[in-house]
Amino acid sequence: MAARSSLLISHLLVLVFLFLLLATSEVEVINIYKHYVYCRPRCRYRCSATSHKKPCMFFCLKCCSKCLCVPPGTYGNKQVCPCYNDWKTQEGGPKCP
């Protein structure tokens, strides 16, 4: 009887582990989609005119992941994305390019 209940408990633990693994994978797939399919091409264009491409891409992708929006064009137009426009550094400057 004890062997049967310990077997049942181990099976339940495996099922819980598999469920958590699948749930985590779904979130990761959504983040990968958001990062590569939506944000990366928009940020690549947004940062195309700057000479500081690496930091521009870093902050643009960070802002896009949070806001799900990148303003059109290579400069300005931040009013189109309020979250992107309102996110500031500790010094009060714009966080997003």
C-alpha atoms as a PDB file:
ATOM      1  CA  MET A   1       0.000   0.000   0.000  1.00  0.00           C
ATOM      2  CA  ALA A   2       2.836   2.404   0.870  1.00  0.00           C
ATOM      3  CA  ALA A   3       4.592   1.624  -2.401  1.00  0.00           C
ATOM      4  CA  ARG A   4       1.426   2.368  -4.322  1.00  0.00           C
ATOM      5  CA  SER A   5       0.904   5.782  -2.674  1.00  0.00           C
ATOM      6  CA  SER A   6       4.564   6.772  -3.169  1.00  0.00           C
ATOM      7  CA  LEU A   7       4.261   5.774  -6.834  1.00  0.00           C
ATOM      8  CA  LEU A   8       1.132   7.922  -7.148  1.00  0.00           C
ATOM      9  CA  ILE A   9       2.880  10.875  -5.513  1.00  0.00           C
ATOM     10  CA  SER A  10       5.888  10.548  -7.809  1.00  0.00           C
ATOM     11  CA  HIS A  11       3.591  10.435 -10.862  1.00  0.00           C
ATOM     12  CA  LEU A  12       1.780  13.558  -9.659  1.00  0.00           C
ATOM     13  CA  LEU A  13       5.082  15.361  -9.161  1.00  0.00           C
ATOM     14  CA  VAL A  14       6.170  14.441 -12.689  1.00  0.00           C
ATOM     15  CA  LEU A  15       2.866  15.727 -14.080  1.00  0.00           C
ATOM     16  CA  VAL A  16       3.186  19.003 -12.168  1.00  0.00           C
ATOM     17  CA  PHE A  17       6.758  19.388 -13.424  1.00  0.00           C
ATOM     18  CA  LEU A  18       5.684  18.760 -17.029  1.00  0.00           C
ATOM     19  CA  PHE A  19       2.822  21.231 -16.705  1.00  0.00           C
ATOM     20  CA  LEU A  20       5.178  23.921 -15.378  1.00  0.00           C
ATOM     21  CA  LEU A  21       7.645  23.172 -18.148  1.00  0.00           C
ATOM     22  CA  LEU A  22       4.966  23.558 -20.817  1.00  0.00           C
ATOM     23  CA  ALA A  23       3.625  26.763 -19.264  1.00  0.00           C
ATOM     24  CA  THR A  24       7.117  28.275 -19.166  1.00  0.00           C
ATOM     25  CA  SER A  25       7.782  27.260 -22.753  1.00  0.00           C
ATOM     26  CA  GLU A  26       4.611  28.993 -23.943  1.00  0.00           C
ATOM     27  CA  VAL A  27       5.662  32.252 -22.279  1.00  0.00           C
ATOM     28  CA  GLU A  28       9.130  31.958 -23.788  1.00  0.00           C
ATOM     29  CA  VAL A  29       7.647  31.386 -27.251  1.00  0.00           C
ATOM     30  CA  ILE A  30       5.526  34.523 -26.872  1.00  0.00           C
ATOM     31  CA  ASN A  31       8.587  36.526 -25.772  1.00  0.00           C
ATOM     32  CA  ILE A  32      10.644  35.212 -28.682  1.00  0.00           C
ATOM     33  CA  TYR A  33       7.833  36.109 -31.090  1.00  0.00           C
ATOM     34  CA  LYS A  34       7.539  39.566 -29.580  1.00  0.00           C
ATOM     35  CA  HIS A  35      11.295  40.113 -29.689  1.00  0.00           C
ATOM     36  CA  TYR A  36      12.148  38.779 -33.139  1.00  0.00           C
ATOM     37  CA  VAL A  37       8.987  39.082 -35.195  1.00  0.00           C
ATOM     38  CA  TYR A  38       7.546  42.351 -33.915  1.00  0.00           C
ATOM     39  CA  CYS A  39      10.308  44.373 -32.227  1.00  0.00           C
ATOM     40  CA  ARG A  40      13.524  43.540 -34.046  1.00  0.00           C
ATOM     41  CA  PRO A  41      12.546  44.774 -37.553  1.00  0.00           C
ATOM     42  CA  ARG A  42      10.966  47.951 -36.192  1.00  0.00           C
ATOM     43  CA  CYS A  43      13.961  48.720 -33.969  1.00  0.00           C
ATOM     44  CA  ARG A  44      16.375  47.950 -36.796  1.00  0.00           C
ATOM     45  CA  TYR A  45      14.669  50.633 -38.896  1.00  0.00           C
ATOM     46  CA  ARG A  46      14.341  53.007 -35.922  1.00  0.00           C
ATOM     47  CA  CYS A  47      18.095  52.773 -35.263  1.00  0.00           C
ATOM     48  CA  SER A  48      19.204  52.746 -38.917  1.00  0.00           C
ATOM     49  CA  ALA A  49      20.172  56.447 -39.037  1.00  0.00           C
ATOM     50  CA  THR A  50      22.245  56.593 -35.841  1.00  0.00           C
ATOM     51  CA  SER A  51      25.970  56.026 -35.522  1.00  0.00           C
ATOM     52  CA  HIS A  52      25.363  54.352 -32.115  1.00  0.00           C
ATOM     53  CA  LYS A  53      23.522  51.289 -33.402  1.00  0.00           C
ATOM     54  CA  LYS A  54      24.346  48.856 -30.593  1.00  0.00           C
ATOM     55  CA  PRO A  55      23.026  50.956 -27.657  1.00  0.00           C
ATOM     56  CA  CYS A  56      20.120  52.166 -29.782  1.00  0.00           C
ATOM     57  CA  MET A  57      19.069  48.579 -30.550  1.00  0.00           C
ATOM     58  CA  PHE A  58      19.504  47.525 -26.910  1.00  0.00           C
ATOM     59  CA  PHE A  59      17.233  50.246 -25.549  1.00  0.00           C
ATOM     60  CA  CYS A  60      14.783  50.102 -28.439  1.00  0.00           C
ATOM     61  CA  LEU A  61      14.268  46.342 -27.952  1.00  0.00           C
ATOM     62  CA  LYS A  62      13.905  46.846 -24.203  1.00  0.00           C
ATOM     63  CA  CYS A  63      11.313  49.582 -24.719  1.00  0.00           C
ATOM     64  CA  CYS A  64       9.471  47.618 -27.404  1.00  0.00           C
ATOM     65  CA  SER A  65       9.293  44.529 -25.198  1.00  0.00           C
ATOM     66  CA  LYS A  66       7.708  46.600 -22.438  1.00  0.00           C
ATOM     67  CA  CYS A  67       5.495  48.860 -24.554  1.00  0.00           C
ATOM     68  CA  LEU A  68       4.803  46.703 -27.650  1.00  0.00           C
ATOM     69  CA  CYS A  69       5.219  49.799 -29.763  1.00  0.00           C
ATOM     70  CA  VAL A  70       8.014  51.517 -31.701  1.00  0.00           C
ATOM     71  CA  PRO A  71       7.423  55.001 -33.131  1.00  0.00           C
ATOM     72  CA  PRO A  72       7.544  55.269 -36.928  1.00  0.00           C
ATOM     73  CA  GLY A  73      10.594  56.764 -38.573  1.00  0.00           C
ATOM     74  CA  THR A  74      14.182  57.049 -37.426  1.00  0.00           C
ATOM     75  CA  TYR A  75      13.680  60.003 -35.062  1.00  0.00           C
ATOM     76  CA  GLY A  76      10.850  61.711 -33.180  1.00  0.00           C
ATOM     77  CA  ASN A  77       7.186  60.695 -33.490  1.00  0.00           C
ATOM     78  CA  LYS A  78       7.240  59.408 -29.877  1.00  0.00           C
ATOM     79  CA  GLN A  79       3.739  60.760 -29.257  1.00  0.00           C
ATOM     80  CA  VAL A  80       2.474  57.751 -31.253  1.00  0.00           C
ATOM     81  CA  CYS A  81       3.638  55.410 -28.441  1.00  0.00           C
ATOM     82  CA  PRO A  82       2.781  56.937 -25.044  1.00  0.00           C
ATOM     83  CA  CYS A  83       4.536  54.215 -23.019  1.00  0.00           C
ATOM     84  CA  TYR A  84       7.633  54.523 -25.196  1.00  0.00           C
ATOM     85  CA  ASN A  85       7.529  58.304 -24.822  1.00  0.00           C
ATOM     86  CA  ASP A  86       6.872  58.394 -21.054  1.00  0.00           C
ATOM     87  CA  TRP A  87       9.549  55.918 -19.921  1.00  0.00           C
ATOM     88  CA  LYS A  88      12.349  58.089 -18.490  1.00  0.00           C
ATOM     89  CA  THR A  89      15.817  57.553 -17.003  1.00  0.00           C
ATOM     90  CA  GLN A  90      16.567  58.408 -13.363  1.00  0.00           C
ATOM     91  CA  GLU A  91      17.855  61.763 -14.563  1.00  0.00           C
ATOM     92  CA  GLY A  92      14.580  62.477 -16.372  1.00  0.00           C
ATOM     93  CA  GLY A  93      15.859  61.993 -19.916  1.00  0.00           C
ATOM     94  CA  PRO A  94      14.191  59.700 -22.459  1.00  0.00           C
ATOM     95  CA  LYS A  95      14.911  55.994 -21.965  1.00  0.00           C
ATOM     96  CA  CYS A  96      13.763  54.961 -25.418  1.00  0.00           C
ATOM     97  CA  PRO A  97      15.420  56.087 -28.664  1.00  0.00           C
END
